[in-house]
C-alpha atoms as a PDB file:
ATOM      1  CA  MET A   1      68.668 121.815  25.790  1.00  0.00           C
ATOM      2  CA  THR A   2      70.158 118.890  27.716  1.00  0.00           C
ATOM      3  CA  ASN A   3      68.128 116.073  29.232  1.00  0.00           C
ATOM      4  CA  SER A   4      68.572 117.309  32.792  1.00  0.00           C
ATOM      5  CA  GLU A   5      67.391 120.809  31.842  1.00  0.00           C
ATOM      6  CA  LEU A   6      64.374 119.325  30.082  1.00  0.00           C
ATOM      7  CA  ILE A   7      63.505 117.203  33.133  1.00  0.00           C
ATOM      8  CA  ARG A   8      63.826 120.230  35.457  1.00  0.00           C
ATOM      9  CA  LYS A   9      61.550 122.273  33.204  1.00  0.00           C
ATOM     10  CA  ILE A  10      58.874 119.563  33.121  1.00  0.00           C
ATOM     11  CA  GLN A  11      59.068 118.914  36.884  1.00  0.00           C
ATOM     12  CA  SER A  12      58.937 122.603  37.820  1.00  0.00           C
ATOM     13  CA  GLU A  13      55.190 122.848  37.253  1.00  0.00           C
ATOM     14  CA  PHE A  14      54.553 120.055  39.797  1.00  0.00           C
ATOM     15  CA  LEU A  15      56.735 121.535  42.572  1.00  0.00           C
ATOM     16  CA  LYS A  16      54.867 123.024  45.514  1.00  0.00           C
ATOM     17  CA  ASP A  17      55.981 125.826  47.800  1.00  0.00           C
ATOM     18  CA  ARG A  18      57.404 123.886  50.758  1.00  0.00           C
ATOM     19  CA  PRO A  19      59.857 124.963  53.479  1.00  0.00           C
ATOM     20  CA  ASP A  20      63.454 123.754  53.331  1.00  0.00           C
ATOM     21  CA  VAL A  21      63.249 120.676  55.569  1.00  0.00           C
ATOM     22  CA  ARG A  22      66.523 119.195  56.828  1.00  0.00           C
ATOM     23  CA  THR A  23      67.622 116.397  59.082  1.00  0.00           C
ATOM     24  CA  GLY A  24      67.211 117.200  62.755  1.00  0.00           C
ATOM     25  CA  MET A  25      64.090 119.354  62.450  1.00  0.00           C
ATOM     26  CA  GLU A  26      60.855 118.678  64.275  1.00  0.00           C
ATOM     27  CA  VAL A  27      58.036 119.106  61.759  1.00  0.00           C
ATOM     28  CA  GLU A  28      54.269 118.915  61.751  1.00  0.00           C
ATOM     29  CA  VAL A  29      52.977 117.343  58.544  1.00  0.00           C
ATOM     30  CA  SER A  30      49.298 117.709  57.630  1.00  0.00           C
ATOM     31  CA  GLN A  31      48.264 114.837  55.408  1.00  0.00           C
ATOM     32  CA  ILE A  32      44.929 114.415  53.626  1.00  0.00           C
ATOM     33  CA  LEU A  33      43.523 110.910  54.163  1.00  0.00           C
ATOM     34  CA  LYS A  34      40.615 109.411  52.227  1.00  0.00           C
ATOM     35  CA  GLU A  35      38.504 106.941  54.198  1.00  0.00           C
ATOM     36  CA  TRP A  36      35.058 105.563  53.395  1.00  0.00           C
ATOM     37  CA  GLY A  37      34.496 108.144  50.667  1.00  0.00           C
ATOM     38  CA  LYS A  38      35.343 111.088  52.960  1.00  0.00           C
ATOM     39  CA  GLU A  39      38.439 113.244  53.302  1.00  0.00           C
ATOM     40  CA  ARG A  40      40.044 114.337  56.533  1.00  0.00           C
ATOM     41  CA  THR A  41      43.309 115.976  57.519  1.00  0.00           C
ATOM     42  CA  GLN A  42      45.599 114.247  59.992  1.00  0.00           C
ATOM     43  CA  LYS A  43      48.565 115.985  61.594  1.00  0.00           C
ATOM     44  CA  PHE A  44      51.796 114.197  62.432  1.00  0.00           C
ATOM     45  CA  LYS A  45      54.437 115.798  64.712  1.00  0.00           C
ATOM     46  CA  TRP A  46      57.762 114.006  64.198  1.00  0.00           C
ATOM     47  CA  VAL A  47      61.556 114.456  63.997  1.00  0.00           C
ATOM     48  CA  VAL A  48      63.204 114.207  60.568  1.00  0.00           C
ATOM     49  CA  ILE A  49      65.907 111.514  60.669  1.00  0.00           C
ATOM     50  CA  LYS A  50      66.706 111.341  56.946  1.00  0.00           C
ATOM     51  CA  THR A  51      66.367 113.388  53.760  1.00  0.00           C
ATOM     52  CA  ALA A  52      66.863 111.944  50.279  1.00  0.00           C
ATOM     53  CA  TRP A  53      66.390 113.080  46.701  1.00  0.00           C
ATOM     54  CA  LYS A  54      67.698 112.713  43.181  1.00  0.00           C
ATOM     55  CA  SER A  55      65.730 115.613  41.754  1.00  0.00           C
ATOM     56  CA  PRO A  56      63.683 118.313  43.532  1.00  0.00           C
ATOM     57  CA  LEU A  57      60.396 116.559  42.718  1.00  0.00           C
ATOM     58  CA  GLU A  58      61.580 113.261  44.244  1.00  0.00           C
ATOM     59  CA  LYS A  59      62.601 114.742  47.614  1.00  0.00           C
ATOM     60  CA  THR A  60      61.518 112.571  50.543  1.00  0.00           C
ATOM     61  CA  ILE A  61      61.888 112.810  54.309  1.00  0.00           C
ATOM     62  CA  THR A  62      61.877 109.978  56.800  1.00  0.00           C
ATOM     63  CA  VAL A  63      60.385 110.945  60.138  1.00  0.00           C
ATOM     64  CA  ARG A  64      60.404 109.093  63.457  1.00  0.00           C
ATOM     65  CA  ARG A  65      58.438 109.273  66.670  1.00  0.00           C
ATOM     66  CA  LYS A  66      58.371 107.169  69.784  1.00  0.00           C
ATOM     67  CA  VAL A  67      54.834 105.956  70.549  1.00  0.00           C
ATOM     68  CA  GLY A  68      54.808 104.134  73.858  1.00  0.00           C
ATOM     69  CA  PRO A  69      57.400 101.344  73.767  1.00  0.00           C
ATOM     70  CA  PHE A  70      57.524 101.386  69.959  1.00  0.00           C
ATOM     71  CA  GLY A  71      59.315 103.580  67.447  1.00  0.00           C
ATOM     72  CA  VAL A  72      57.261 104.526  64.393  1.00  0.00           C
ATOM     73  CA  GLU A  73      58.806 105.750  61.139  1.00  0.00           C
ATOM     74  CA  LYS A  74      57.076 107.162  58.096  1.00  0.00           C
ATOM     75  CA  VAL A  75      58.364 108.347  54.719  1.00  0.00           C
ATOM     76  CA  PHE A  76      56.763 111.409  53.101  1.00  0.00           C
ATOM     77  CA  ALA A  77      57.290 112.690  49.569  1.00  0.00           C
ATOM     78  CA  LEU A  78      57.490 116.472  50.062  1.00  0.00           C
ATOM     79  CA  HIS A  79      55.709 117.428  46.854  1.00  0.00           C
ATOM     80  CA  SER A  80      52.973 114.812  47.133  1.00  0.00           C
ATOM     81  CA  PRO A  81      49.407 116.049  46.535  1.00  0.00           C
ATOM     82  CA  THR A  82      48.269 114.290  49.736  1.00  0.00           C
ATOM     83  CA  ILE A  83      50.369 116.620  51.903  1.00  0.00           C
ATOM     84  CA  SER A  84      48.531 119.865  52.548  1.00  0.00           C
ATOM     85  CA  SER A  85      51.182 121.635  54.644  1.00  0.00           C
ATOM     86  CA  ILE A  86      54.503 121.206  56.433  1.00  0.00           C
ATOM     87  CA  GLU A  87      55.345 123.382  59.426  1.00  0.00           C
ATOM     88  CA  ILE A  88      58.776 123.515  61.066  1.00  0.00           C
ATOM     89  CA  ILE A  89      58.362 123.576  64.848  1.00  0.00           C
ATOM     90  CA  ARG A  90      61.979 123.568  66.016  1.00  0.00           C
ATOM     91  CA  THR A  91      65.478 122.738  64.846  1.00  0.00           C
ATOM     92  CA  PHE A  92      68.107 120.575  66.500  1.00  0.00           C
ATOM     93  CA  LYS A  93      71.875 120.580  66.004  1.00  0.00           C
ATOM     94  CA  VAL A  94      72.978 117.583  63.923  1.00  0.00           C
ATOM     95  CA  ARG A  95      76.045 117.037  61.788  1.00  0.00           C
ATOM     96  CA  ARG A  96      74.783 114.230  59.608  1.00  0.00           C
ATOM     97  CA  LYS A  97      72.377 113.739  56.745  1.00  0.00           C
ATOM     98  CA  HIS A  98      71.015 110.523  58.300  1.00  0.00           C
ATOM     99  CA  ILE A  99      70.683 110.247  62.088  1.00  0.00           C
ATOM    100  CA  GLY A 100      69.743 106.574  62.269  1.00  0.00           C
ATOM    101  CA  TYR A 101      71.598 106.202  65.567  1.00  0.00           C
ATOM    102  CA  ILE A 102      68.495 107.718  67.234  1.00  0.00           C
ATOM    103  CA  ARG A 103      66.768 104.346  66.723  1.00  0.00           C
ATOM    104  CA  THR A 104      68.978 102.535  69.219  1.00  0.00           C
ATOM    105  CA  ALA A 105      69.859 105.453  71.484  1.00  0.00           C
ATOM    106  CA  ILE A 106      68.208 105.553  74.890  1.00  0.00           C
ATOM    107  CA  GLY A 107      68.294 108.018  77.754  1.00  0.00           C
ATOM    108  CA  LYS A 108      70.700 110.934  77.611  1.00  0.00           C
ATOM    109  CA  GLU A 109      72.350 109.871  74.343  1.00  0.00           C
ATOM    110  CA  ALA A 110      68.987 110.159  72.547  1.00  0.00           C
ATOM    111  CA  ARG A 111      68.675 113.879  73.312  1.00  0.00           C
ATOM    112  CA  LEU A 112      69.345 116.437  70.615  1.00  0.00           C
ATOM    113  CA  LYS A 113      70.479 120.002  71.357  1.00  0.00           C
ATOM    114  CA  GLU A 114      67.954 122.594  70.207  1.00  0.00           C
ATOM    115  CA  ILE A 115      69.052 125.599  68.156  1.00  0.00           C
ATOM    116  CA  ARG A 116      67.326 128.758  69.387  1.00  0.00           C
ATOM    117  CA  LYS A 117      66.619 131.478  66.846  1.00  0.00           C
END
C-alpha cells in the first residue's frame, strides 16, 4: 500500500456527503455558530469564486457577496464539522477555476450568464 492510498483510506471516514461544488455556482451554506454557550445555524447565500484542494478532505471554496458598497469574501472547508449543509441554488457559465476578476468588475461586465437545467 502506497502512502497516498493509505492517506485516502484514513481520510475517507471523515468525508461527508456534499454536492459537487464548482466555480460559478451560487450556493447557500448553513454554518453552525457557537456564541455565548449556545448554538445557532446561520445561512450564507454567495457565489463561489474559487475552489482549491490537494486531497478530497482539504477541499475549500472561496465565496463572495456584495454587501452594500463592500465586497465580502469567506473561505469554507467543505468537510468541516461546522457546516451542516450546502445547497446549490443556481449555476453560471464560467471557463475558469478562479474568477477573481469579479472583484473589480462593475456594471454589465460583472454579470454571469446563468445555465438553465
